[in-house]
C-alpha cells in the first residue's frame, strides 16, 4: 500500500538518508528509533508537509512524492495533538471536513459517528484546554479519522500520556487497526512497538537499518545497535567453532552453546534472566561458569539488574529478594553461570 524508496532529506546539519520500506494494506508498521533520528521528518515527508530531496513515495500504486498534502488521503496525528484552543471539540473534529467543502449535514453526521466510535461524545462542546491528555489524544485521532484516510500516521502518540491513559489508547489503536486501517506509528519505546506492531522498522543515524515482524527483530537483530536499542543487554560478537561441542569465542572467553549453525563469525544473545548469580561456583548443569566482579546494580521494572565484569560486562536479572539474600553490591566477587541451551547464536 505504502512504499518508500531511497528517500533522503537534508535539514541543516541533519539528514534522513536513503530510507526504504514497505507498509502492506492493514499493517500496523512502527518506526522505532531514538529521539532525533529522523522519524518525524519521515512522517512529514510521507504526509506531504515537506518534500524529499531524493527518492520517491508510492501510495496505492500511485507516486505521490510531489503531490500536495490534501491529495494524499493520509491522516497525521501529531505528538502534541495540535488542537485549536479557541474551538470546541466538535469544531476541531469537523475542521478537516469543512476545509474540504463538506456540507453541514454530512459534517454533523460524520462528527457524531466518529465521536461515538472513539467514546468522546460527552465532551463535544468543551474546549481542548479542559481535556486530559488521553481525552485530547482521542480528539486528535477523531479529527484525523473523520476525513476517512486510507492510512494514518502517528507521531509519538502515547509519549505524553500517563500509564492508565496509555493503556486505553493502545487498546483503541489496536481496535482501529483490526478494523482494517493501515497505520504507521513512530516511537522510541520498544515495549510500545511490541504491543502494537505487526511489523517494525528500526532507525539509526537517519536511515532504516532493519525491518521485519517484532519476533524476528528480537530473535535476529541485524546489529549491536538494534540489539541494544530493543533492550538486549547481552549481545556479543565473536566466532563460532562448530563440532561435537560447539563453542563461541569472544573477548578472550569461550562459551559452550547448542547450535547447528556453520562455523564462522556471528553474535550471541543471552537473556539477562538466563544469567545465574551465586556466591560459589554453580553445581547445576550449567556448562558456562565464570568468576567476576559486580560493577553496577540497579532496580528495573521486573527486578534488579546486576552488571558483572567477567572479562566482558554481562547483565543478570534477579529478584529483589535474591539480591538482598546474596548481599549483592558493587565490588563484590560473584560467580555467573549460563546454560549452553540459553545461548542463542546469530550468524553475521
C-alpha atoms as a PDB file:
ATOM      1  CA  UNK A   1       0.000   0.000   0.000  1.00  0.00           C
ATOM      2  CA  UNK A   2       2.721   2.473   1.033  1.00  0.00           C
ATOM      3  CA  UNK A   3       6.184   2.169  -0.492  1.00  0.00           C
ATOM      4  CA  UNK A   4       9.125   4.422   0.375  1.00  0.00           C
ATOM      5  CA  UNK A   5      12.129   4.133  -1.947  1.00  0.00           C
ATOM      6  CA  UNK A   6      15.526   5.733  -1.313  1.00  0.00           C
ATOM      7  CA  UNK A   7      14.057   8.729   0.497  1.00  0.00           C
ATOM      8  CA  UNK A   8      16.539  11.436   1.539  1.00  0.00           C
ATOM      9  CA  UNK A   9      16.023  14.853   3.109  1.00  0.00           C
ATOM     10  CA  UNK A  10      18.642  17.259   4.482  1.00  0.00           C
ATOM     11  CA  UNK A  11      17.683  19.809   7.124  1.00  0.00           C
ATOM     12  CA  UNK A  12      20.628  21.879   8.340  1.00  0.00           C
ATOM     13  CA  UNK A  13      23.257  19.569   9.800  1.00  0.00           C
ATOM     14  CA  UNK A  14      20.869  16.621   9.951  1.00  0.00           C
ATOM     15  CA  UNK A  15      19.823  14.334   7.120  1.00  0.00           C
ATOM     16  CA  UNK A  16      17.498  11.390   6.539  1.00  0.00           C
ATOM     17  CA  UNK A  17      19.409   9.170   4.108  1.00  0.00           C
ATOM     18  CA  UNK A  18      18.295   6.540   1.598  1.00  0.00           C
ATOM     19  CA  UNK A  19      15.290   5.298   3.581  1.00  0.00           C
ATOM     20  CA  UNK A  20      13.331   2.403   2.069  1.00  0.00           C
ATOM     21  CA  UNK A  21      10.480   0.313   3.493  1.00  0.00           C
ATOM     22  CA  UNK A  22       7.076  -1.115   2.548  1.00  0.00           C
ATOM     23  CA  UNK A  23       3.830  -0.995   4.507  1.00  0.00           C
ATOM     24  CA  UNK A  24       1.181  -3.523   3.443  1.00  0.00           C
ATOM     25  CA  UNK A  25      -2.555  -2.857   3.496  1.00  0.00           C
ATOM     26  CA  UNK A  26      -3.827  -3.356   7.039  1.00  0.00           C
ATOM     27  CA  UNK A  27      -0.333  -3.336   8.588  1.00  0.00           C
ATOM     28  CA  UNK A  28       0.494  -1.622  11.859  1.00  0.00           C
ATOM     29  CA  UNK A  29       4.025  -0.506  10.973  1.00  0.00           C
ATOM     30  CA  UNK A  30       6.104   1.001  13.788  1.00  0.00           C
ATOM     31  CA  UNK A  31       9.221   3.065  13.088  1.00  0.00           C
ATOM     32  CA  UNK A  32      11.382   2.589  16.178  1.00  0.00           C
ATOM     33  CA  UNK A  33      14.346   4.813  16.933  1.00  0.00           C
ATOM     34  CA  UNK A  34      15.948   7.160  19.444  1.00  0.00           C
ATOM     35  CA  UNK A  35      14.924  10.813  19.661  1.00  0.00           C
ATOM     36  CA  UNK A  36      16.436  12.929  16.902  1.00  0.00           C
ATOM     37  CA  UNK A  37      16.987  10.034  14.494  1.00  0.00           C
ATOM     38  CA  UNK A  38      14.634  11.437  11.833  1.00  0.00           C
ATOM     39  CA  UNK A  39      11.333   9.642  12.483  1.00  0.00           C
ATOM     40  CA  UNK A  40       9.189  12.784  12.474  1.00  0.00           C
ATOM     41  CA  UNK A  41      10.847  14.103   9.306  1.00  0.00           C
ATOM     42  CA  UNK A  42       9.926  10.841   7.600  1.00  0.00           C
ATOM     43  CA  UNK A  43       6.280  11.190   8.629  1.00  0.00           C
ATOM     44  CA  UNK A  44       6.134  14.795   7.453  1.00  0.00           C
ATOM     45  CA  UNK A  45       7.598  13.777   4.101  1.00  0.00           C
ATOM     46  CA  UNK A  46       5.134  10.906   3.657  1.00  0.00           C
ATOM     47  CA  UNK A  47       2.158  13.095   4.515  1.00  0.00           C
ATOM     48  CA  UNK A  48       3.302  15.980   2.282  1.00  0.00           C
ATOM     49  CA  UNK A  49       4.171  18.633   4.865  1.00  0.00           C
ATOM     50  CA  UNK A  50       7.663  18.685   3.364  1.00  0.00           C
ATOM     51  CA  UNK A  51       9.130  17.251   0.152  1.00  0.00           C
ATOM     52  CA  UNK A  52      12.198  14.982  -0.125  1.00  0.00           C
ATOM     53  CA  UNK A  53      15.473  15.885  -1.826  1.00  0.00           C
ATOM     54  CA  UNK A  54      15.665  12.422  -3.399  1.00  0.00           C
ATOM     55  CA  UNK A  55      13.706   9.189  -3.582  1.00  0.00           C
ATOM     56  CA  UNK A  56      10.022   8.605  -4.086  1.00  0.00           C
ATOM     57  CA  UNK A  57       6.819   7.673  -2.252  1.00  0.00           C
ATOM     58  CA  UNK A  58       4.150   5.403  -3.746  1.00  0.00           C
ATOM     59  CA  UNK A  59       0.678   5.061  -2.254  1.00  0.00           C
ATOM     60  CA  UNK A  60      -1.791   2.520  -3.618  1.00  0.00           C
ATOM     61  CA  UNK A  61       0.471   2.120  -6.652  1.00  0.00           C
ATOM     62  CA  UNK A  62       0.478   5.858  -7.435  1.00  0.00           C
ATOM     63  CA  UNK A  63       3.526   8.088  -6.969  1.00  0.00           C
ATOM     64  CA  UNK A  64       2.709  10.910  -4.563  1.00  0.00           C
ATOM     65  CA  UNK A  65       6.227  12.252  -3.923  1.00  0.00           C
ATOM     66  CA  UNK A  66       5.360  15.784  -5.057  1.00  0.00           C
ATOM     67  CA  UNK A  67       1.596  15.667  -4.506  1.00  0.00           C
ATOM     68  CA  UNK A  68       0.129  18.379  -2.217  1.00  0.00           C
ATOM     69  CA  UNK A  69      -0.951  17.215   1.227  1.00  0.00           C
ATOM     70  CA  UNK A  70      -4.681  17.460   0.509  1.00  0.00           C
ATOM     71  CA  UNK A  71      -4.402  14.986  -2.395  1.00  0.00           C
ATOM     72  CA  UNK A  72      -2.767  12.130  -0.472  1.00  0.00           C
ATOM     73  CA  UNK A  73      -5.658  10.823   1.656  1.00  0.00           C
ATOM     74  CA  UNK A  74      -3.214  10.206   4.521  1.00  0.00           C
ATOM     75  CA  UNK A  75      -4.049  11.311   8.074  1.00  0.00           C
ATOM     76  CA  UNK A  76      -1.499  12.562  10.604  1.00  0.00           C
ATOM     77  CA  UNK A  77      -1.733  12.814  14.394  1.00  0.00           C
ATOM     78  CA  UNK A  78       0.979  14.962  15.975  1.00  0.00           C
ATOM     79  CA  UNK A  79       2.698  14.251  19.272  1.00  0.00           C
ATOM     80  CA  UNK A  80       1.278  17.423  20.870  1.00  0.00           C
ATOM     81  CA  UNK A  81      -2.212  16.953  19.320  1.00  0.00           C
ATOM     82  CA  UNK A  82      -2.103  20.493  17.755  1.00  0.00           C
ATOM     83  CA  UNK A  83      -5.775  21.123  18.580  1.00  0.00           C
ATOM     84  CA  UNK A  84      -7.213  24.597  18.032  1.00  0.00           C
ATOM     85  CA  UNK A  85      -7.642  26.009  21.565  1.00  0.00           C
ATOM     86  CA  UNK A  86     -10.340  28.557  20.578  1.00  0.00           C
ATOM     87  CA  UNK A  87     -12.601  25.883  19.030  1.00  0.00           C
ATOM     88  CA  UNK A  88     -14.829  23.346  20.724  1.00  0.00           C
ATOM     89  CA  UNK A  89     -14.027  19.655  20.389  1.00  0.00           C
ATOM     90  CA  UNK A  90     -16.843  19.353  17.843  1.00  0.00           C
ATOM     91  CA  UNK A  91     -15.403  22.134  15.673  1.00  0.00           C
ATOM     92  CA  UNK A  92     -11.875  20.699  15.972  1.00  0.00           C
ATOM     93  CA  UNK A  93     -13.083  17.337  14.682  1.00  0.00           C
ATOM     94  CA  UNK A  94     -15.129  18.917  11.884  1.00  0.00           C
ATOM     95  CA  UNK A  95     -12.310  21.187  10.706  1.00  0.00           C
ATOM     96  CA  UNK A  96     -10.934  18.782   8.096  1.00  0.00           C
ATOM     97  CA  UNK A  97     -14.385  18.139   6.625  1.00  0.00           C
ATOM     98  CA  UNK A  98     -15.235  21.836   6.450  1.00  0.00           C
ATOM     99  CA  UNK A  99     -11.925  22.661   4.781  1.00  0.00           C
ATOM    100  CA  UNK A 100     -12.779  20.077   2.112  1.00  0.00           C
ATOM    101  CA  UNK A 101     -16.132  21.698   1.442  1.00  0.00           C
ATOM    102  CA  UNK A 102     -18.356  19.119   3.143  1.00  0.00           C
ATOM    103  CA  UNK A 103     -21.926  20.253   3.716  1.00  0.00           C
ATOM    104  CA  UNK A 104     -23.398  20.932   7.145  1.00  0.00           C
ATOM    105  CA  UNK A 105     -25.437  17.723   7.233  1.00  0.00           C
ATOM    106  CA  UNK A 106     -22.554  15.444   6.286  1.00  0.00           C
ATOM    107  CA  UNK A 107     -20.198  17.250   8.674  1.00  0.00           C
ATOM    108  CA  UNK A 108     -22.595  16.844  11.605  1.00  0.00           C
ATOM    109  CA  UNK A 109     -23.299  13.179  10.831  1.00  0.00           C
ATOM    110  CA  UNK A 110     -19.638  12.131  10.459  1.00  0.00           C
ATOM    111  CA  UNK A 111     -18.543  14.134  13.501  1.00  0.00           C
ATOM    112  CA  UNK A 112     -21.191  12.416  15.637  1.00  0.00           C
ATOM    113  CA  UNK A 113     -20.246   8.983  14.285  1.00  0.00           C
ATOM    114  CA  UNK A 114     -16.516   9.317  14.915  1.00  0.00           C
ATOM    115  CA  UNK A 115     -17.132  10.831  18.369  1.00  0.00           C
ATOM    116  CA  UNK A 116     -19.301   7.836  19.230  1.00  0.00           C
ATOM    117  CA  UNK A 117     -16.715   5.365  17.901  1.00  0.00           C
ATOM    118  CA  UNK A 118     -13.933   6.978  19.960  1.00  0.00           C
ATOM    119  CA  UNK A 119     -16.150   7.485  23.038  1.00  0.00           C
ATOM    120  CA  UNK A 120     -15.795  11.277  23.200  1.00  0.00           C
ATOM    121  CA  UNK A 121     -19.442  12.307  22.645  1.00  0.00           C
ATOM    122  CA  UNK A 122     -19.777  13.593  26.216  1.00  0.00           C
ATOM    123  CA  UNK A 123     -17.310  16.446  25.732  1.00  0.00           C
ATOM    124  CA  UNK A 124     -18.010  17.590  22.163  1.00  0.00           C
ATOM    125  CA  UNK A 125     -18.905  21.100  23.381  1.00  0.00           C
ATOM    126  CA  UNK A 126     -15.846  21.540  25.600  1.00  0.00           C
ATOM    127  CA  UNK A 127     -12.607  23.349  24.711  1.00  0.00           C
ATOM    128  CA  UNK A 128      -9.292  21.448  24.370  1.00  0.00           C
ATOM    129  CA  UNK A 129      -7.812  23.216  27.405  1.00  0.00           C
ATOM    130  CA  UNK A 130     -10.281  21.430  29.682  1.00  0.00           C
ATOM    131  CA  UNK A 131      -9.356  17.928  28.485  1.00  0.00           C
ATOM    132  CA  UNK A 132      -6.980  15.366  29.975  1.00  0.00           C
ATOM    133  CA  UNK A 133      -4.056  14.109  27.894  1.00  0.00           C
ATOM    134  CA  UNK A 134      -5.889  10.923  26.941  1.00  0.00           C
ATOM    135  CA  UNK A 135      -9.060  12.828  26.006  1.00  0.00           C
ATOM    136  CA  UNK A 136      -7.115  15.313  23.878  1.00  0.00           C
ATOM    137  CA  UNK A 137      -5.349  12.477  22.058  1.00  0.00           C
ATOM    138  CA  UNK A 138      -8.708  10.867  21.242  1.00  0.00           C
ATOM    139  CA  UNK A 139      -9.911  14.181  19.817  1.00  0.00           C
ATOM    140  CA  UNK A 140      -6.780  14.453  17.672  1.00  0.00           C
ATOM    141  CA  UNK A 141      -7.431  10.920  16.408  1.00  0.00           C
ATOM    142  CA  UNK A 142     -11.057  11.763  15.668  1.00  0.00           C
ATOM    143  CA  UNK A 143     -10.043  14.855  13.693  1.00  0.00           C
ATOM    144  CA  UNK A 144      -7.657  12.747  11.580  1.00  0.00           C
ATOM    145  CA  UNK A 145     -10.112   9.861  11.093  1.00  0.00           C
ATOM    146  CA  UNK A 146     -13.247  11.847  10.264  1.00  0.00           C
ATOM    147  CA  UNK A 147     -11.935  12.520   6.731  1.00  0.00           C
ATOM    148  CA  UNK A 148     -11.669   8.735   6.215  1.00  0.00           C
ATOM    149  CA  UNK A 149      -7.948   8.462   5.325  1.00  0.00           C
ATOM    150  CA  UNK A 150      -6.643   5.222   3.818  1.00  0.00           C
ATOM    151  CA  UNK A 151      -3.543   5.402   6.042  1.00  0.00           C
ATOM    152  CA  UNK A 152      -2.990   7.022   9.437  1.00  0.00           C
ATOM    153  CA  UNK A 153       0.418   8.335  10.564  1.00  0.00           C
ATOM    154  CA  UNK A 154       1.063   8.726  14.312  1.00  0.00           C
ATOM    155  CA  UNK A 155       3.933  10.790  15.742  1.00  0.00           C
ATOM    156  CA  UNK A 156       4.786   9.528  19.280  1.00  0.00           C
ATOM    157  CA  UNK A 157       1.063   9.478  20.163  1.00  0.00           C
ATOM    158  CA  UNK A 158       1.486   7.946  23.634  1.00  0.00           C
ATOM    159  CA  UNK A 159       4.585   9.721  24.924  1.00  0.00           C
ATOM    160  CA  UNK A 160       2.773  12.414  26.928  1.00  0.00           C
ATOM    161  CA  UNK A 161       0.118  10.142  28.466  1.00  0.00           C
ATOM    162  CA  UNK A 162       0.053   8.639  31.945  1.00  0.00           C
ATOM    163  CA  UNK A 163       0.074   4.865  32.434  1.00  0.00           C
ATOM    164  CA  UNK A 164      -3.719   4.490  32.568  1.00  0.00           C
ATOM    165  CA  UNK A 165      -4.367   6.692  29.518  1.00  0.00           C
ATOM    166  CA  UNK A 166      -1.582   4.961  27.596  1.00  0.00           C
ATOM    167  CA  UNK A 167      -3.130   1.548  28.166  1.00  0.00           C
ATOM    168  CA  UNK A 168      -6.527   2.744  26.962  1.00  0.00           C
ATOM    169  CA  UNK A 169      -5.031   4.423  23.899  1.00  0.00           C
ATOM    170  CA  UNK A 170      -3.102   1.284  22.948  1.00  0.00           C
ATOM    171  CA  UNK A 171      -6.339  -0.692  23.047  1.00  0.00           C
ATOM    172  CA  UNK A 172      -8.033   1.923  20.854  1.00  0.00           C
ATOM    173  CA  UNK A 173      -5.191   1.918  18.314  1.00  0.00           C
ATOM    174  CA  UNK A 174      -5.267  -1.888  18.108  1.00  0.00           C
ATOM    175  CA  UNK A 175      -9.025  -1.758  17.528  1.00  0.00           C
ATOM    176  CA  UNK A 176      -8.643   0.792  14.735  1.00  0.00           C
ATOM    177  CA  UNK A 177      -6.013  -1.354  13.052  1.00  0.00           C
ATOM    178  CA  UNK A 178      -8.100  -4.514  13.374  1.00  0.00           C
ATOM    179  CA  UNK A 179     -10.931  -2.687  11.629  1.00  0.00           C
ATOM    180  CA  UNK A 180      -8.669  -2.570   8.548  1.00  0.00           C
ATOM    181  CA  UNK A 181      -6.954   0.831   8.918  1.00  0.00           C
ATOM    182  CA  UNK A 182      -3.320   0.896   7.783  1.00  0.00           C
ATOM    183  CA  UNK A 183      -1.146   2.665  10.364  1.00  0.00           C
ATOM    184  CA  UNK A 184       2.413   3.995  10.574  1.00  0.00           C
ATOM    185  CA  UNK A 185       3.467   4.883  14.123  1.00  0.00           C
ATOM    186  CA  UNK A 186       6.809   6.353  15.231  1.00  0.00           C
ATOM    187  CA  UNK A 187       8.138   5.844  18.756  1.00  0.00           C
ATOM    188  CA  UNK A 188      11.319   5.459  20.789  1.00  0.00           C
ATOM    189  CA  UNK A 189       9.657   2.892  23.093  1.00  0.00           C
ATOM    190  CA  UNK A 190      10.334  -0.762  22.199  1.00  0.00           C
ATOM    191  CA  UNK A 191       7.627  -2.083  24.547  1.00  0.00           C
ATOM    192  CA  UNK A 192       5.124   0.164  22.777  1.00  0.00           C
ATOM    193  CA  UNK A 193       6.266  -1.218  19.428  1.00  0.00           C
ATOM    194  CA  UNK A 194       5.910  -4.819  20.623  1.00  0.00           C
ATOM    195  CA  UNK A 195       2.410  -4.128  21.980  1.00  0.00           C
ATOM    196  CA  UNK A 196       1.127  -2.665  18.712  1.00  0.00           C
ATOM    197  CA  UNK A 197       3.184  -3.540  15.660  1.00  0.00           C
ATOM    198  CA  UNK A 198       2.627  -6.175  13.020  1.00  0.00           C
ATOM    199  CA  UNK A 199       5.961  -5.024  11.517  1.00  0.00           C
ATOM    200  CA  UNK A 200       8.799  -2.862  12.825  1.00  0.00           C
ATOM    201  CA  UNK A 201      11.423  -0.700  11.143  1.00  0.00           C
ATOM    202  CA  UNK A 202      14.422   0.271  13.273  1.00  0.00           C
ATOM    203  CA  UNK A 203      16.084   3.638  12.535  1.00  0.00           C
ATOM    204  CA  UNK A 204      19.695   4.546  13.246  1.00  0.00           C
ATOM    205  CA  UNK A 205      21.508   7.729  12.193  1.00  0.00           C
ATOM    206  CA  UNK A 206      18.869   8.878   9.773  1.00  0.00           C
ATOM    207  CA  UNK A 207      18.184   5.610   7.977  1.00  0.00           C
ATOM    208  CA  UNK A 208      16.213   2.385   8.437  1.00  0.00           C
ATOM    209  CA  UNK A 209      18.657  -0.413   9.317  1.00  0.00           C
ATOM    210  CA  UNK A 210      16.260  -3.344   9.790  1.00  0.00           C
ATOM    211  CA  UNK A 211      12.612  -4.189   9.123  1.00  0.00           C
ATOM    212  CA  UNK A 212      10.558  -7.259   9.980  1.00  0.00           C
ATOM    213  CA  UNK A 213       7.941  -8.725  12.321  1.00  0.00           C
ATOM    214  CA  UNK A 214       8.538  -7.959  16.021  1.00  0.00           C
ATOM    215  CA  UNK A 215       9.614 -11.522  16.871  1.00  0.00           C
ATOM    216  CA  UNK A 216      12.151 -11.525  14.026  1.00  0.00           C
ATOM    217  CA  UNK A 217      13.640  -8.203  15.146  1.00  0.00           C
ATOM    218  CA  UNK A 218      14.013  -9.650  18.641  1.00  0.00           C
ATOM    219  CA  UNK A 219      15.320 -13.081  17.579  1.00  0.00           C
ATOM    220  CA  UNK A 220      17.689 -11.851  14.869  1.00  0.00           C
ATOM    221  CA  UNK A 221      18.783  -8.248  15.480  1.00  0.00           C
ATOM    222  CA  UNK A 222      20.848  -7.122  12.490  1.00  0.00           C
ATOM    223  CA  UNK A 223      23.447  -5.214  14.507  1.00  0.00           C
ATOM    224  CA  UNK A 224      24.657  -4.470  18.000  1.00  0.00           C
ATOM    225  CA  UNK A 225      22.816  -1.136  17.818  1.00  0.00           C
ATOM    226  CA  UNK A 226      19.492  -2.867  17.121  1.00  0.00           C
ATOM    227  CA  UNK A 227      20.073  -5.390  19.909  1.00  0.00           C
ATOM    228  CA  UNK A 228      20.930  -2.712  22.452  1.00  0.00           C
ATOM    229  CA  UNK A 229      18.066  -0.484  21.407  1.00  0.00           C
ATOM    230  CA  UNK A 230      15.410  -3.177  21.799  1.00  0.00           C
ATOM    231  CA  UNK A 231      16.677  -3.996  25.262  1.00  0.00           C
ATOM    232  CA  UNK A 232      19.015  -6.950  24.686  1.00  0.00           C
ATOM    233  CA  UNK A 233      21.880  -6.261  27.083  1.00  0.00           C
ATOM    234  CA  UNK A 234      23.970  -9.369  26.442  1.00  0.00           C
ATOM    235  CA  UNK A 235      24.876  -9.258  22.746  1.00  0.00           C
ATOM    236  CA  UNK A 236      28.469 -10.148  21.876  1.00  0.00           C
ATOM    237  CA  UNK A 237      30.325 -10.526  18.535  1.00  0.00           C
ATOM    238  CA  UNK A 238      32.774 -13.396  18.096  1.00  0.00           C
ATOM    239  CA  UNK A 239      33.497 -16.639  16.244  1.00  0.00           C
ATOM    240  CA  UNK A 240      31.620 -19.936  16.354  1.00  0.00           C
ATOM    241  CA  UNK A 241      33.704 -23.106  16.386  1.00  0.00           C
ATOM    242  CA  UNK A 242      31.437 -25.965  15.322  1.00  0.00           C
ATOM    243  CA  UNK A 243      31.878 -29.644  16.099  1.00  0.00           C
ATOM    244  CA  UNK A 244      30.626 -32.170  18.620  1.00  0.00           C
ATOM    245  CA  UNK A 245      30.625 -29.490  21.311  1.00  0.00           C
ATOM    246  CA  UNK A 246      30.105 -26.112  19.690  1.00  0.00           C
ATOM    247  CA  UNK A 247      31.972 -23.193  21.218  1.00  0.00           C
ATOM    248  CA  UNK A 248      31.707 -19.454  20.822  1.00  0.00           C
ATOM    249  CA  UNK A 249      34.903 -17.470  21.344  1.00  0.00           C
ATOM    250  CA  UNK A 250      34.795 -13.746  22.136  1.00  0.00           C
ATOM    251  CA  UNK A 251      36.883 -11.246  24.102  1.00  0.00           C
ATOM    252  CA  UNK A 252      39.183 -13.994  25.408  1.00  0.00           C
ATOM    253  CA  UNK A 253      36.265 -16.076  26.679  1.00  0.00           C
ATOM    254  CA  UNK A 254      34.873 -19.403  25.474  1.00  0.00           C
ATOM    255  CA  UNK A 255      31.193 -20.355  25.801  1.00  0.00           C
ATOM    256  CA  UNK A 256      29.697 -23.777  25.157  1.00  0.00           C
ATOM    257  CA  UNK A 257      26.499 -23.445  23.124  1.00  0.00           C
ATOM    258  CA  UNK A 258      23.898 -25.633  21.457  1.00  0.00           C
ATOM    259  CA  UNK A 259      23.573 -24.825  17.758  1.00  0.00           C
ATOM    260  CA  UNK A 260      23.680 -26.489  14.369  1.00  0.00           C
ATOM    261  CA  UNK A 261      24.893 -23.317  12.639  1.00  0.00           C
ATOM    262  CA  UNK A 262      28.002 -23.341  10.466  1.00  0.00           C
ATOM    263  CA  UNK A 263      31.357 -22.166  11.748  1.00  0.00           C
ATOM    264  CA  UNK A 264      32.150 -18.521  11.296  1.00  0.00           C
ATOM    265  CA  UNK A 265      31.673 -15.047  12.640  1.00  0.00           C
ATOM    266  CA  UNK A 266      28.452 -14.069  14.341  1.00  0.00           C
ATOM    267  CA  UNK A 267      26.877 -12.906  17.557  1.00  0.00           C
ATOM    268  CA  UNK A 268      25.456 -14.472  20.679  1.00  0.00           C
ATOM    269  CA  UNK A 269      22.400 -13.303  22.590  1.00  0.00           C
ATOM    270  CA  UNK A 270      21.889 -14.204  26.251  1.00  0.00           C
ATOM    271  CA  UNK A 271      18.770 -13.079  28.087  1.00  0.00           C
ATOM    272  CA  UNK A 272      19.637 -11.374  31.361  1.00  0.00           C
ATOM    273  CA  UNK A 273      17.182 -13.661  33.197  1.00  0.00           C
ATOM    274  CA  UNK A 274      19.230 -16.674  31.991  1.00  0.00           C
ATOM    275  CA  UNK A 275      22.395 -15.453  33.739  1.00  0.00           C
ATOM    276  CA  UNK A 276      22.502 -17.013  37.235  1.00  0.00           C
ATOM    277  CA  UNK A 277      24.472 -15.322  40.018  1.00  0.00           C
ATOM    278  CA  UNK A 278      25.849 -17.212  43.016  1.00  0.00           C
ATOM    279  CA  UNK A 279      28.464 -16.703  45.731  1.00  0.00           C
ATOM    280  CA  UNK A 280      30.203 -20.002  44.867  1.00  0.00           C
ATOM    281  CA  UNK A 281      30.776 -21.911  41.604  1.00  0.00           C
ATOM    282  CA  UNK A 282      27.478 -23.345  40.353  1.00  0.00           C
ATOM    283  CA  UNK A 283      26.772 -27.018  40.977  1.00  0.00           C
ATOM    284  CA  UNK A 284      23.972 -27.117  38.421  1.00  0.00           C
ATOM    285  CA  UNK A 285      24.136 -28.498  34.865  1.00  0.00           C
ATOM    286  CA  UNK A 286      25.261 -25.119  33.527  1.00  0.00           C
ATOM    287  CA  UNK A 287      28.430 -25.582  31.431  1.00  0.00           C
ATOM    288  CA  UNK A 288      29.479 -21.947  31.377  1.00  0.00           C
ATOM    289  CA  UNK A 289      30.678 -20.723  34.755  1.00  0.00           C
ATOM    290  CA  UNK A 290      32.710 -17.516  35.203  1.00  0.00           C
ATOM    291  CA  UNK A 291      34.003 -15.581  38.184  1.00  0.00           C
ATOM    292  CA  UNK A 292      33.535 -11.829  38.090  1.00  0.00           C
ATOM    293  CA  UNK A 293      33.073  -8.598  39.999  1.00  0.00           C
ATOM    294  CA  UNK A 294      29.848  -6.591  40.228  1.00  0.00           C
ATOM    295  CA  UNK A 295      30.340  -3.191  38.558  1.00  0.00           C
ATOM    296  CA  UNK A 296      26.769  -1.878  38.773  1.00  0.00           C
ATOM    297  CA  UNK A 297      23.437  -2.794  40.333  1.00  0.00           C
ATOM    298  CA  UNK A 298      20.105  -1.021  39.929  1.00  0.00           C
ATOM    299  CA  UNK A 299      16.328  -1.627  40.015  1.00  0.00           C
ATOM    300  CA  UNK A 300      14.420  -2.281  36.776  1.00  0.00           C
ATOM    301  CA  UNK A 301      10.760  -2.972  36.065  1.00  0.00           C
ATOM    302  CA  UNK A 302      10.970  -6.750  36.642  1.00  0.00           C
ATOM    303  CA  UNK A 303      13.522  -6.881  39.457  1.00  0.00           C
ATOM    304  CA  UNK A 304      17.163  -5.935  39.971  1.00  0.00           C
ATOM    305  CA  UNK A 305      19.704  -5.769  37.140  1.00  0.00           C
ATOM    306  CA  UNK A 306      23.248  -6.694  38.096  1.00  0.00           C
ATOM    307  CA  UNK A 307      26.229  -5.957  35.826  1.00  0.00           C
ATOM    308  CA  UNK A 308      29.170  -8.344  36.334  1.00  0.00           C
ATOM    309  CA  UNK A 309      32.612  -7.971  34.753  1.00  0.00           C
ATOM    310  CA  UNK A 310      33.719 -11.490  33.707  1.00  0.00           C
ATOM    311  CA  UNK A 311      36.157 -10.184  31.079  1.00  0.00           C
ATOM    312  CA  UNK A 312      33.189  -8.506  29.424  1.00  0.00           C
ATOM    313  CA  UNK A 313      30.304  -6.859  31.217  1.00  0.00           C
ATOM    314  CA  UNK A 314      27.317  -9.195  31.362  1.00  0.00           C
ATOM    315  CA  UNK A 315      23.862  -8.312  32.722  1.00  0.00           C
ATOM    316  CA  UNK A 316      21.867 -10.577  35.020  1.00  0.00           C
ATOM    317  CA  UNK A 317      18.286 -10.086  36.175  1.00  0.00           C
ATOM    318  CA  UNK A 318      17.480 -11.209  39.713  1.00  0.00           C
ATOM    319  CA  UNK A 319      14.620 -10.644  42.113  1.00  0.00           C
ATOM    320  CA  UNK A 320      14.906  -8.047  44.847  1.00  0.00           C
ATOM    321  CA  UNK A 321      14.740 -10.857  47.416  1.00  0.00           C
ATOM    322  CA  UNK A 322      17.649 -12.733  45.752  1.00  0.00           C
ATOM    323  CA  UNK A 323      19.771  -9.582  45.575  1.00  0.00           C
ATOM    324  CA  UNK A 324      19.221  -8.918  49.280  1.00  0.00           C
ATOM    325  CA  UNK A 325      19.726 -12.566  50.249  1.00  0.00           C
ATOM    326  CA  UNK A 326      23.053 -12.772  48.398  1.00  0.00           C
ATOM    327  CA  UNK A 327      24.152  -9.373  49.698  1.00  0.00           C
ATOM    328  CA  UNK A 328      24.889  -8.153  46.171  1.00  0.00           C
ATOM    329  CA  UNK A 329      26.681  -4.820  45.906  1.00  0.00           C
ATOM    330  CA  UNK A 330      29.200  -3.090  43.683  1.00  0.00           C
ATOM    331  CA  UNK A 331      32.718  -4.514  44.046  1.00  0.00           C
ATOM    332  CA  UNK A 332      31.560  -7.912  45.343  1.00  0.00           C
ATOM    333  CA  UNK A 333      33.084 -11.016  43.762  1.00  0.00           C
ATOM    334  CA  UNK A 334      30.461 -13.473  42.469  1.00  0.00           C
ATOM    335  CA  UNK A 335      30.050 -16.381  40.080  1.00  0.00           C
ATOM    336  CA  UNK A 336      27.884 -16.332  36.970  1.00  0.00           C
ATOM    337  CA  UNK A 337      26.569 -19.420  35.230  1.00  0.00           C
ATOM    338  CA  UNK A 338      24.810 -19.810  31.880  1.00  0.00           C
ATOM    339  CA  UNK A 339      23.353 -22.994  30.402  1.00  0.00           C
ATOM    340  CA  UNK A 340      24.559 -23.839  26.896  1.00  0.00           C
ATOM    341  CA  UNK A 341      20.924 -24.076  25.819  1.00  0.00           C
ATOM    342  CA  UNK A 342      20.327 -20.461  26.899  1.00  0.00           C
ATOM    343  CA  UNK A 343      22.898 -19.039  24.454  1.00  0.00           C
ATOM    344  CA  UNK A 344      21.440 -18.079  21.069  1.00  0.00           C
ATOM    345  CA  UNK A 345      23.743 -17.724  18.049  1.00  0.00           C
ATOM    346  CA  UNK A 346      23.064 -15.277  15.202  1.00  0.00           C
ATOM    347  CA  UNK A 347      25.088 -15.590  12.003  1.00  0.00           C
ATOM    348  CA  UNK A 348      26.845 -12.419  10.865  1.00  0.00           C
END
